[in-house]
Amino acid sequence: MSDLRFQKLTPTSNVDLNVYEEGFEFIFSNDDIRNIAVSGPYSSGKSSLLESYKKKYPQKTFIHISLAHFTNENKDNEEKEIEDSETVIEGKILNQLIQQIPIENIPQSNFRIKRTTGTNYNGYCTRNN
């Protein structure tokens, strides 16, 4: 057996919430705060922080949206700019939101979701103008 050591990069649910717990409590005690963002570099503990908070406060409801950005270095600058455009980012956010919200909770949405039959859910999002 080699001397290689492997490390999991999956989130844990037992980190010390420390000052973040106070920040989350401030957020949840103010009804006018509707959205928050947790940002940081890859593997900095963002998901572990959220998983730990969710474990400690299971009555809270969360919707997760990931805007992980991986670029193809072989693309030229113009292609990269198109990939990063505001419209593309908005589409990614909306698509992830819609997949997590039951359709009966958004009856007036312009988005139509294609559902598959069976136990797994696969969605497709389009916008009607």
Protein backbone atom coordinates (compact mmCIF):
# COMPACT_ATOMS: atom_id res chain seq x y z
CA MET A 1 0.00 0.00 0.00
CA SER A 2 1.31 3.46 -0.86
CA ASP A 3 1.83 6.38 1.51
CA LEU A 4 -0.78 8.47 -0.31
CA ARG A 5 -3.35 10.16 1.89
CA PHE A 6 -6.73 11.09 0.58
CA GLN A 7 -9.04 13.74 1.94
CA LYS A 8 -12.79 14.04 1.43
CA LEU A 9 -14.00 17.29 -0.05
CA THR A 10 -17.65 16.70 0.83
CA PRO A 11 -19.31 18.94 3.41
CA THR A 12 -19.46 17.98 7.07
CA SER A 13 -22.23 18.94 9.48
CA ASN A 14 -20.23 19.44 12.66
CA VAL A 15 -18.21 22.63 12.22
CA ASP A 16 -18.04 25.27 14.94
CA LEU A 17 -20.54 27.93 13.83
CA ASN A 18 -18.79 30.56 15.96
CA VAL A 19 -19.55 34.11 14.75
CA TYR A 20 -21.51 32.80 11.75
CA GLU A 21 -24.32 31.60 14.02
CA GLU A 22 -24.79 35.17 15.26
CA GLY A 23 -24.84 36.38 11.66
CA PHE A 24 -27.46 33.82 10.65
CA GLU A 25 -29.60 34.70 13.68
CA PHE A 26 -29.46 38.38 12.67
CA ILE A 27 -30.57 37.44 9.16
CA PHE A 28 -33.45 35.24 10.31
CA SER A 29 -34.66 37.79 12.87
CA ASN A 30 -35.16 40.43 10.13
CA ASP A 31 -38.16 39.63 7.93
CA ASP A 32 -37.06 42.08 5.24
CA ILE A 33 -33.90 40.05 4.53
CA ARG A 34 -35.04 37.48 1.98
CA ASN A 35 -31.82 36.24 0.36
CA ILE A 36 -28.27 35.72 1.52
CA ALA A 37 -25.11 34.62 -0.20
CA VAL A 38 -22.23 32.68 1.27
CA SER A 39 -19.16 33.07 -0.87
CA GLY A 40 -15.56 31.98 -0.68
CA PRO A 41 -12.92 30.03 -2.56
CA TYR A 42 -13.23 26.36 -3.42
CA SER A 43 -13.04 24.10 -0.34
CA SER A 44 -13.19 26.98 2.16
CA GLY A 45 -16.05 25.42 4.14
CA LYS A 46 -19.14 27.20 2.77
CA SER A 47 -21.21 24.03 2.41
CA SER A 48 -20.02 22.65 5.75
CA LEU A 49 -21.06 25.91 7.45
CA LEU A 50 -24.54 25.68 5.94
CA GLU A 51 -24.90 21.96 6.64
CA SER A 52 -23.88 22.51 10.28
CA TYR A 53 -26.40 25.34 10.68
CA LYS A 54 -29.15 23.28 9.05
CA LYS A 55 -28.41 20.38 11.39
CA LYS A 56 -28.58 22.61 14.47
CA TYR A 57 -31.75 24.39 13.27
CA PRO A 58 -33.76 21.81 11.26
CA GLN A 59 -36.91 23.98 11.36
CA LYS A 60 -35.28 26.47 8.95
CA THR A 61 -35.87 26.12 5.21
CA PHE A 62 -33.09 26.55 2.68
CA ILE A 63 -32.84 26.65 -1.09
CA HIS A 64 -29.34 26.12 -2.44
CA ILE A 65 -28.08 27.76 -5.60
CA SER A 66 -24.59 27.10 -6.85
CA LEU A 67 -22.88 29.47 -9.24
CA ALA A 68 -19.68 27.47 -9.40
CA HIS A 69 -17.71 28.75 -12.32
CA PHE A 70 -15.44 26.54 -14.34
CA THR A 71 -14.03 27.97 -17.54
CA ASN A 72 -12.59 26.31 -20.57
CA GLU A 73 -9.16 27.86 -21.01
CA ASN A 74 -9.24 26.97 -24.71
CA LYS A 75 -12.01 29.51 -25.37
CA ASP A 76 -11.11 33.01 -26.52
CA ASN A 77 -12.02 36.10 -24.46
CA GLU A 78 -15.18 36.87 -26.43
CA GLU A 79 -16.58 33.37 -25.81
CA LYS A 80 -15.72 33.65 -22.11
CA GLU A 81 -17.55 37.01 -21.89
CA ILE A 82 -20.67 35.52 -23.44
CA GLU A 83 -20.46 32.61 -21.01
CA ASP A 84 -20.32 35.06 -18.08
CA SER A 85 -23.09 37.33 -19.31
CA GLU A 86 -25.69 38.55 -16.88
CA THR A 87 -28.47 36.77 -18.76
CA VAL A 88 -26.72 33.41 -18.48
CA ILE A 89 -26.16 33.87 -14.75
CA GLU A 90 -29.80 34.92 -14.24
CA GLY A 91 -30.91 31.84 -16.16
CA LYS A 92 -28.78 29.57 -13.97
CA ILE A 93 -30.23 31.10 -10.80
CA LEU A 94 -33.82 30.87 -12.02
CA ASN A 95 -33.39 27.32 -13.23
CA GLN A 96 -32.05 26.17 -9.87
CA LEU A 97 -34.79 28.03 -7.96
CA ILE A 98 -37.59 26.64 -10.07
CA GLN A 99 -36.32 23.09 -9.67
CA GLN A 100 -36.56 23.42 -5.88
CA ILE A 101 -39.96 25.13 -5.56
CA PRO A 102 -43.17 23.11 -6.01
CA ILE A 103 -45.06 24.35 -9.09
CA GLU A 104 -48.24 24.90 -7.02
CA ASN A 105 -46.32 27.56 -5.04
CA ILE A 106 -45.63 29.62 -8.17
CA PRO A 107 -48.87 29.39 -10.23
CA GLN A 108 -48.39 32.71 -12.04
CA SER A 109 -44.87 31.95 -13.21
CA ASN A 110 -44.04 32.34 -16.89
CA PHE A 111 -41.87 29.26 -16.59
CA ARG A 112 -43.18 25.88 -17.63
CA ILE A 113 -41.55 22.82 -16.17
CA LYS A 114 -41.34 19.52 -17.96
CA ARG A 115 -41.62 16.69 -15.47
CA THR A 116 -40.76 13.07 -15.92
CA THR A 117 -42.74 10.26 -14.42
CA GLY A 118 -41.09 8.10 -11.81
CA THR A 119 -39.33 8.71 -8.54
CA ASN A 120 -36.47 10.86 -9.86
CA TYR A 121 -37.17 14.44 -10.85
CA ASN A 122 -35.61 15.91 -13.95
CA GLY A 123 -36.66 19.36 -15.00
CA TYR A 124 -36.45 21.58 -18.00
CA CYS A 125 -37.08 25.28 -17.81
CA THR A 126 -38.22 27.63 -20.57
CA ARG A 127 -39.56 31.14 -20.45
CA ASN A 128 -42.57 32.27 -22.44
CA ASN A 129 -42.46 35.94 -23.45
